[in-house]
C-alpha cells in the first residue's frame, strides 16, 4: 500500500510553518496515542505514521528533501548517498526511527496526561512541587509574634501503597523498553541519538500493578493542617520556608517545600515604616496654642503621655524611643513618632465666633509664619512692578 503524503497525515498544507506543523502533530498525537485508544487496534499504526511524518517535516533539511523528492528521499529509492545529499548530509530516515520525533515532545505533550492515568509505569519518581500559602496577620500579631494553624490543600503520600505507587507493596520491574538503562538509542544515518526512555521516563523501572487508590502516582490529594510559628517583627513580603511540607513526590520522591508569604494588615491608628511606627494625633487650637498633654496609645497596648509645647504647629513630630516594632533579626526595636495635627474647629456657636473675631482684632505678632509669608508675597509683587 502506498504511503500517504506526510502533509496529509498531519492535516496541514505544504506552506505550513514549523509552529503550525508542530501544533498539528501535537493534536494528532493526542488523538491517536495508544493509551487513549486501547480499544482501537489501528491506533498504534496511525500513531507511528504521525510520528514518522512529523520527524520528516520538523527538520528543515529533511523537509526540503521531502518537498523535492517525496518519500523517495527516505525509502532508499534514491540510494543511500542520494538521500543523505538531499537531506543536507543528515542521513536517510527509516520507518522504525520514529522515536526521535516522539521523544523530543513526549514530556511536554503527555506528561500531565500520564501523571493522571498512572498506567504503564511512565511516571517519573520526582520531587514534589513547592507550594505557596498567603497568610494575613494583624499589626499586633506582627509585634508580638503568633502561632497560626493553617489548612493547606496539597498532595500527600498514599497510605495504601506507602507512596510507592504499587498495589500491595509490589516491587517495580525492569523496564522492557530500555532494559533498566533509562535511555534508548535511535540511529539516524551516521549519528546515534540517545534519549530518555519514553516508557519509564528514565527511571529504568515500571510498575505492573498500580495502586488502586492513587493509580500509581504514590500520592493523593488531601487538606492538611499545619501549625506555623510567626516570629515577631515580620513585615509584608516576609517569606517563611517549611522544608518538606509541600507537595508529596511522585512514587516515593521527596516532598517539596511550603513557602508562607506574610501580609500585615493595615492598622486604624498606626502606620508602619520598617521598624518605626507613626501615629497622627489631632489637637485643638487651644491645646496647640497654650500647650498641654495628650495621651497616646502604644502598639504593646500601653499608654504614653506626651507634652505638647505652646505654639505647636501641624506636622510637628515627637519621638517615643523603643516604642516601635521589634526587628525580625536582632534585639533592637524601632521608635514611635507622634505627628501633631492642629484641627480647625467646626460648627461654631455665635459666642465662639464673637470671641474669635475679638481675638483676631487684638492679634499682633502671634502668627510669625503667616507674617513672614505675606512679607515675601509683598516683596514679590513689588519686584514684578519694578
Protein backbone atom coordinates (compact mmCIF):
# COMPACT_ATOMS: atom_id res chain seq x y z
CA UNK A 1 0.00 0.00 0.00
CA UNK A 2 1.36 3.43 -1.00
CA UNK A 3 2.45 5.75 1.77
CA UNK A 4 0.20 8.71 2.49
CA UNK A 5 1.54 12.19 1.93
CA UNK A 6 3.16 13.47 5.15
CA UNK A 7 1.34 16.80 4.93
CA UNK A 8 -1.95 14.93 4.54
CA UNK A 9 -1.12 12.73 7.56
CA UNK A 10 -0.68 15.82 9.76
CA UNK A 11 -3.56 17.70 8.13
CA UNK A 12 -1.55 20.78 7.07
CA UNK A 13 -0.77 22.43 3.78
CA UNK A 14 2.65 22.39 2.11
CA UNK A 15 3.17 26.03 3.01
CA UNK A 16 2.65 25.40 6.74
CA UNK A 17 5.17 26.96 9.14
CA UNK A 18 7.22 24.99 11.69
CA UNK A 19 4.90 26.10 14.50
CA UNK A 20 1.82 25.04 12.53
CA UNK A 21 3.38 21.63 11.82
CA UNK A 22 4.27 21.14 15.49
CA UNK A 23 0.78 22.20 16.63
CA UNK A 24 -0.87 19.80 14.16
CA UNK A 25 1.42 16.98 15.30
CA UNK A 26 0.56 17.50 18.95
CA UNK A 27 -3.14 17.45 18.23
CA UNK A 28 -2.90 14.27 16.13
CA UNK A 29 -0.59 12.56 18.63
CA UNK A 30 -3.01 13.26 21.47
CA UNK A 31 -5.93 11.86 19.49
CA UNK A 32 -4.10 8.70 18.38
CA UNK A 33 -1.95 7.86 21.40
CA UNK A 34 -2.33 4.11 22.16
CA UNK A 35 -3.03 4.72 25.84
CA UNK A 36 -6.12 6.68 24.81
CA UNK A 37 -7.21 4.17 22.19
CA UNK A 38 -6.87 0.81 23.88
CA UNK A 39 -9.96 -0.50 22.06
CA UNK A 40 -8.72 0.61 18.63
CA UNK A 41 -6.21 -1.87 17.17
CA UNK A 42 -5.29 0.52 14.37
CA UNK A 43 -4.36 3.40 16.68
CA UNK A 44 -0.75 2.31 17.17
CA UNK A 45 -0.07 2.16 13.42
CA UNK A 46 -1.70 5.56 12.89
CA UNK A 47 0.30 6.96 15.80
CA UNK A 48 3.57 5.73 14.25
CA UNK A 49 2.54 7.23 10.91
CA UNK A 50 2.01 10.62 12.54
CA UNK A 51 5.40 10.43 14.27
CA UNK A 52 7.11 9.43 11.02
CA UNK A 53 5.54 12.39 9.23
CA UNK A 54 6.50 14.83 11.96
CA UNK A 55 10.09 13.58 12.15
CA UNK A 56 10.47 14.28 8.43
CA UNK A 57 8.79 17.70 8.41
CA UNK A 58 10.14 19.16 11.65
CA UNK A 59 13.71 19.19 10.33
CA UNK A 60 14.28 21.93 7.69
CA UNK A 61 16.75 19.79 5.67
CA UNK A 62 14.57 16.69 5.74
CA UNK A 63 11.53 18.78 4.88
CA UNK A 64 13.34 20.31 1.89
CA UNK A 65 14.33 16.85 0.70
CA UNK A 66 10.77 15.55 1.09
CA UNK A 67 9.30 18.58 -0.71
CA UNK A 68 11.64 17.87 -3.63
CA UNK A 69 11.72 14.08 -3.85
CA UNK A 70 8.75 12.91 -1.75
CA UNK A 71 9.05 9.57 0.05
CA UNK A 72 11.91 8.60 -2.22
CA UNK A 73 14.15 10.89 -0.18
CA UNK A 74 13.94 8.44 2.74
CA UNK A 75 12.91 4.99 1.48
CA UNK A 76 16.09 4.21 -0.43
CA UNK A 77 14.67 4.97 -3.86
CA UNK A 78 17.46 7.49 -4.48
CA UNK A 79 20.12 5.36 -2.87
CA UNK A 80 21.72 5.99 0.48
CA UNK A 81 24.12 8.62 -0.79
CA UNK A 82 21.39 10.44 -2.69
CA UNK A 83 19.11 10.52 0.35
CA UNK A 84 21.88 11.95 2.52
CA UNK A 85 22.69 14.60 -0.06
CA UNK A 86 19.04 15.64 -0.41
CA UNK A 87 18.67 15.89 3.35
CA UNK A 88 21.74 18.08 3.81
CA UNK A 89 24.03 15.22 4.88
CA UNK A 90 21.90 14.18 7.87
CA UNK A 91 21.26 10.63 6.75
CA UNK A 92 18.31 8.60 5.45
CA UNK A 93 15.21 8.12 7.54
CA UNK A 94 13.90 4.62 8.19
CA UNK A 95 10.36 3.62 9.10
CA UNK A 96 11.41 2.32 12.50
CA UNK A 97 13.11 5.58 13.53
CA UNK A 98 10.11 7.50 14.80
CA UNK A 99 11.46 7.65 18.37
CA UNK A 100 13.31 10.90 17.78
CA UNK A 101 10.14 12.71 16.75
CA UNK A 102 8.28 11.21 19.66
CA UNK A 103 10.82 11.75 22.44
CA UNK A 104 11.53 15.45 21.99
CA UNK A 105 7.96 16.46 22.76
CA UNK A 106 6.81 13.45 24.80
CA UNK A 107 7.33 15.02 28.21
CA UNK A 108 5.73 18.32 27.18
CA UNK A 109 2.82 16.68 25.39
CA UNK A 110 1.93 13.67 27.52
CA UNK A 111 3.49 14.39 30.91
CA UNK A 112 0.28 15.67 32.55
CA UNK A 113 -1.82 13.01 30.83
CA UNK A 114 0.33 10.11 32.01
CA UNK A 115 0.54 11.52 35.54
CA UNK A 116 -3.25 11.46 35.65
CA UNK A 117 -3.55 7.92 34.27
CA UNK A 118 -0.94 6.22 36.44
CA UNK A 119 -0.64 3.34 33.98
CA UNK A 120 2.32 1.59 32.45
CA UNK A 121 4.83 2.96 34.93
CA UNK A 122 5.51 6.08 32.84
CA UNK A 123 5.66 8.35 35.87
CA UNK A 124 8.99 9.72 37.00
CA UNK A 125 9.88 9.32 40.66
CA UNK A 126 10.33 13.04 41.18
CA UNK A 127 10.42 15.66 43.89
CA UNK A 128 7.06 17.20 44.71
CA UNK A 129 6.24 20.77 43.80
CA UNK A 130 6.80 23.68 46.16
CA UNK A 131 3.63 25.30 47.46
CA UNK A 132 2.79 28.91 48.33
CA UNK A 133 0.40 29.99 51.09
CA UNK A 134 -0.57 33.64 51.66
CA UNK A 135 -1.11 34.41 55.36
CA UNK A 136 -2.56 37.69 56.64
CA UNK A 137 -1.72 38.81 60.20
CA UNK A 138 -2.57 41.93 62.20
CA UNK A 139 -0.01 44.54 63.21
CA UNK A 140 -0.40 43.45 66.84
CA UNK A 141 0.35 39.83 65.87
CA UNK A 142 3.38 41.03 63.93
CA UNK A 143 4.55 42.95 67.02
CA UNK A 144 4.42 40.08 69.48
CA UNK A 145 4.65 37.02 67.20
CA UNK A 146 1.94 34.41 66.97
CA UNK A 147 1.28 30.75 66.30
CA UNK A 148 -1.21 30.10 63.50
CA UNK A 149 -2.92 26.93 62.35
CA UNK A 150 -3.40 26.82 58.59
CA UNK A 151 -5.14 24.33 56.29
CA UNK A 152 -3.16 23.62 53.12
CA UNK A 153 -4.69 21.69 50.18
CA UNK A 154 -1.86 19.51 48.93
CA UNK A 155 -0.76 16.05 47.79
CA UNK A 156 0.35 13.62 50.49
CA UNK A 157 1.94 10.18 50.28
CA UNK A 158 -0.62 7.47 49.59
CA UNK A 159 -1.14 5.39 52.74
CA UNK A 160 -2.38 2.35 50.80
CA UNK A 161 0.93 1.85 48.99
CA UNK A 162 3.23 3.82 51.32
CA UNK A 163 3.97 6.21 48.48
CA UNK A 164 5.44 3.57 46.14
CA UNK A 165 2.53 3.60 43.68
CA UNK A 166 2.43 -0.22 43.55
CA UNK A 167 -0.51 -2.33 44.72
CA UNK A 168 0.22 -4.37 47.84
CA UNK A 169 3.79 -3.16 48.09
CA UNK A 170 4.83 -4.94 44.90
CA UNK A 171 8.33 -4.22 43.69
CA UNK A 172 8.86 -2.37 40.38
CA UNK A 173 10.18 -4.44 37.47
CA UNK A 174 12.86 -3.65 34.93
CA UNK A 175 11.59 -1.55 32.03
CA UNK A 176 11.39 -3.81 28.92
CA UNK A 177 11.99 -0.89 26.54
CA UNK A 178 15.38 0.25 27.88
CA UNK A 179 16.29 -2.88 29.93
CA UNK A 180 16.75 -0.77 33.01
CA UNK A 181 19.13 1.76 31.45
CA UNK A 182 16.62 4.63 31.46
CA UNK A 183 17.72 5.66 27.97
CA UNK A 184 17.09 4.45 24.43
CA UNK A 185 19.20 4.93 21.32
CA UNK A 186 17.99 5.72 17.82
CA UNK A 187 20.12 5.53 14.67
CA UNK A 188 19.88 8.48 12.30
CA UNK A 189 22.24 7.92 9.38
CA UNK A 190 25.78 8.27 10.73
CA UNK A 191 24.54 9.53 14.10
CA UNK A 192 23.28 7.70 17.15
CA UNK A 193 20.93 9.78 19.30
CA UNK A 194 20.44 8.83 22.96
CA UNK A 195 17.19 9.93 24.60
CA UNK A 196 15.33 9.36 27.85
CA UNK A 197 13.26 6.20 27.69
CA UNK A 198 9.61 7.18 26.97
CA UNK A 199 8.27 4.11 28.78
CA UNK A 200 9.86 4.65 32.20
CA UNK A 201 10.85 8.33 31.86
CA UNK A 202 14.45 7.48 32.63
CA UNK A 203 13.72 5.57 35.85
CA UNK A 204 14.63 2.17 34.45
CA UNK A 205 11.70 0.50 36.22
CA UNK A 206 7.95 0.31 35.75
CA UNK A 207 5.02 -0.68 37.95
CA UNK A 208 2.98 -3.54 36.53
CA UNK A 209 0.18 -3.39 39.10
CA UNK A 210 -0.52 0.26 40.05
CA UNK A 211 -2.13 1.07 43.39
CA UNK A 212 -5.92 1.36 43.02
CA UNK A 213 -6.11 4.28 45.47
CA UNK A 214 -3.57 6.60 43.85
CA UNK A 215 -3.48 4.98 40.36
CA UNK A 216 0.26 4.52 40.63
CA UNK A 217 1.12 8.12 41.50
CA UNK A 218 2.12 7.31 45.07
CA UNK A 219 0.22 10.35 46.37
CA UNK A 220 -3.34 11.56 46.90
CA UNK A 221 -4.99 14.98 47.29
CA UNK A 222 -5.79 16.00 50.86
CA UNK A 223 -6.20 19.07 53.08
CA UNK A 224 -3.51 19.19 55.73
CA UNK A 225 -3.47 21.26 58.94
CA UNK A 226 -0.15 22.78 59.95
CA UNK A 227 0.90 24.86 62.95
CA UNK A 228 3.12 27.78 61.94
CA UNK A 229 5.17 29.98 64.26
CA UNK A 230 5.15 33.59 63.03
CA UNK A 231 8.12 35.41 64.58
CA UNK A 232 7.82 38.93 65.99
CA UNK A 233 8.75 41.67 63.55
CA UNK A 234 7.51 40.11 60.30
CA UNK A 235 6.59 42.53 57.53
CA UNK A 236 4.51 42.31 54.37
CA UNK A 237 6.57 40.22 51.96
CA UNK A 238 8.34 38.19 54.65
CA UNK A 239 8.70 34.60 53.42
CA UNK A 240 8.78 31.61 55.78
CA UNK A 241 10.00 28.28 54.37
CA UNK A 242 8.79 24.97 55.79
CA UNK A 243 11.05 22.29 54.36
CA UNK A 244 9.33 19.08 53.26
CA UNK A 245 5.82 20.42 53.87
CA UNK A 246 4.98 20.95 50.18
CA UNK A 247 3.52 18.53 47.69
CA UNK A 248 4.47 14.86 48.09
CA UNK A 249 6.79 13.45 45.43
CA UNK A 250 5.67 11.05 42.73
CA UNK A 251 6.20 7.37 43.51
CA UNK A 252 8.14 7.92 46.70
CA UNK A 253 10.05 11.00 45.57
CA UNK A 254 10.95 13.66 48.18
CA UNK A 255 8.32 16.24 49.13
CA UNK A 256 8.62 19.86 48.06
CA UNK A 257 8.69 22.84 50.41
CA UNK A 258 5.92 25.12 51.64
CA UNK A 259 6.52 28.86 51.40
CA UNK A 260 4.34 31.10 53.56
CA UNK A 261 4.15 34.71 52.37
CA UNK A 262 3.16 37.17 55.09
CA UNK A 263 0.86 40.15 54.61
CA UNK A 264 0.49 42.55 57.56
CA UNK A 265 -2.95 44.19 57.59
CA UNK A 266 -3.31 47.98 57.79
CA UNK A 267 -3.95 49.39 61.27
CA UNK A 268 -6.57 52.07 62.08
CA UNK A 269 -4.16 54.02 64.36
CA UNK A 270 -0.56 53.20 63.45
CA UNK A 271 1.29 53.40 60.16
CA UNK A 272 4.42 51.31 59.79
CA UNK A 273 7.71 52.10 58.09
CA UNK A 274 10.17 49.27 58.72
CA UNK A 275 10.68 49.05 62.47
CA UNK A 276 9.24 52.53 63.12
CA UNK A 277 5.61 53.43 63.80
CA UNK A 278 3.82 56.69 63.11
CA UNK A 279 0.71 57.94 64.89
CA UNK A 280 -1.15 61.11 63.81
CA UNK A 281 -2.68 62.88 66.82
CA UNK A 282 -5.23 65.68 66.29
CA UNK A 283 -5.01 68.75 68.59
CA UNK A 284 -7.46 71.51 69.35
CA UNK A 285 -6.41 75.08 68.59
CA UNK A 286 -6.38 75.88 72.33
CA UNK A 287 -4.07 72.96 73.21
CA UNK A 288 -1.78 73.73 70.28
CA UNK A 289 -1.59 77.43 71.27
CA UNK A 290 -1.34 77.07 75.04
CA UNK A 291 0.42 73.72 75.25
CA UNK A 292 -0.62 70.77 77.36
CA UNK A 293 -0.54 66.97 77.42
CA UNK A 294 -2.11 64.29 75.25
CA UNK A 295 -2.38 60.57 75.96
CA UNK A 296 -1.42 58.31 73.05
CA UNK A 297 -1.62 54.50 72.68
CA UNK A 298 1.41 52.26 72.04
CA UNK A 299 1.45 49.06 70.00
CA UNK A 300 2.06 46.93 73.10
CA UNK A 301 -1.33 48.03 74.46
CA UNK A 302 0.08 50.60 76.86
CA UNK A 303 -0.36 54.39 77.10
CA UNK A 304 2.11 57.26 76.97
CA UNK A 305 1.59 60.92 77.95
CA UNK A 306 3.19 63.38 75.56
CA UNK A 307 3.82 67.04 76.42
CA UNK A 308 2.73 69.49 73.75
CA UNK A 309 4.78 72.70 73.76
CA UNK A 310 2.93 76.03 73.46
CA UNK A 311 2.58 77.19 69.88
CA UNK A 312 2.79 73.68 68.41
CA UNK A 313 2.21 73.56 64.66
CA UNK A 314 0.67 70.88 62.44
CA UNK A 315 3.29 68.38 61.27
CA UNK A 316 5.49 68.66 64.36
CA UNK A 317 6.85 65.24 65.31
CA UNK A 318 7.86 63.90 68.70
CA UNK A 319 9.68 60.64 69.25
CA UNK A 320 8.99 57.87 71.74
CA UNK A 321 12.15 55.78 71.73
CA UNK A 322 11.84 51.99 71.70
CA UNK A 323 8.06 52.09 71.23
CA UNK A 324 8.12 50.88 67.62
CA UNK A 325 8.26 47.37 66.12
CA UNK A 326 10.85 44.72 67.01
CA UNK A 327 13.44 43.89 64.37
CA UNK A 328 12.87 40.50 62.74
CA UNK A 329 16.52 39.62 63.23
CA UNK A 330 18.14 41.20 66.25
CA UNK A 331 17.21 42.53 69.66
CA UNK A 332 16.64 46.17 68.74
CA UNK A 333 13.25 47.87 68.42
CA UNK A 334 12.20 50.86 66.40
CA UNK A 335 10.71 54.14 67.61
CA UNK A 336 7.24 55.60 67.58
CA UNK A 337 6.73 59.06 66.10
CA UNK A 338 3.83 61.27 67.17
CA UNK A 339 2.77 63.71 64.45
CA UNK A 340 0.62 66.62 65.63
CA UNK A 341 -2.29 67.80 63.50
CA UNK A 342 -3.92 71.08 64.63
CA UNK A 343 -7.63 70.83 63.94
CA UNK A 344 -9.73 73.81 62.86
CA UNK A 345 -12.99 73.91 64.87
CA UNK A 346 -16.29 73.46 63.04
CA UNK A 347 -19.95 74.16 63.88
CA UNK A 348 -19.10 77.28 65.93
CA UNK A 349 -21.73 78.87 68.19
CA UNK A 350 -22.40 82.62 67.86
CA UNK A 351 -20.45 83.25 71.08
CA UNK A 352 -17.44 81.31 69.79
CA UNK A 353 -17.50 83.26 66.54
CA UNK A 354 -17.65 86.51 68.51
CA UNK A 355 -14.66 85.52 70.62
CA UNK A 356 -12.63 84.55 67.55
CA UNK A 357 -13.38 87.85 65.85
CA UNK A 358 -12.35 89.67 69.01
CA UNK A 359 -9.14 87.65 69.18
CA UNK A 360 -8.41 88.45 65.53
CA UNK A 361 -8.73 92.19 66.20
CA UNK A 362 -6.23 92.13 69.02
CA UNK A 363 -3.93 89.66 67.22
CA UNK A 364 -0.47 91.24 66.93
CA UNK A 365 2.51 89.03 66.12
CA UNK A 366 1.02 85.71 67.17
CA UNK A 367 1.34 84.23 63.67
CA UNK A 368 5.02 84.63 62.68
CA UNK A 369 4.86 82.16 59.80
CA UNK A 370 1.87 83.92 58.27
CA UNK A 371 3.51 87.36 58.68
CA UNK A 372 6.72 86.12 57.07
CA UNK A 373 4.87 84.60 54.12
CA UNK A 374 2.92 87.73 53.30
CA UNK A 375 6.05 89.91 53.59
CA UNK A 376 7.62 87.70 50.94
CA UNK A 377 4.49 87.98 48.78
CA UNK A 378 4.56 91.80 49.02
CA UNK A 379 8.22 91.86 48.07
CA UNK A 380 7.48 89.62 45.10
CA UNK A 381 4.71 91.84 43.81
CA UNK A 382 6.83 94.98 44.28
CA UNK A 383 9.58 93.36 42.30
CA UNK A 384 7.18 92.49 39.47
CA UNK A 385 6.05 96.17 39.29
CA UNK A 386 9.65 97.32 39.08
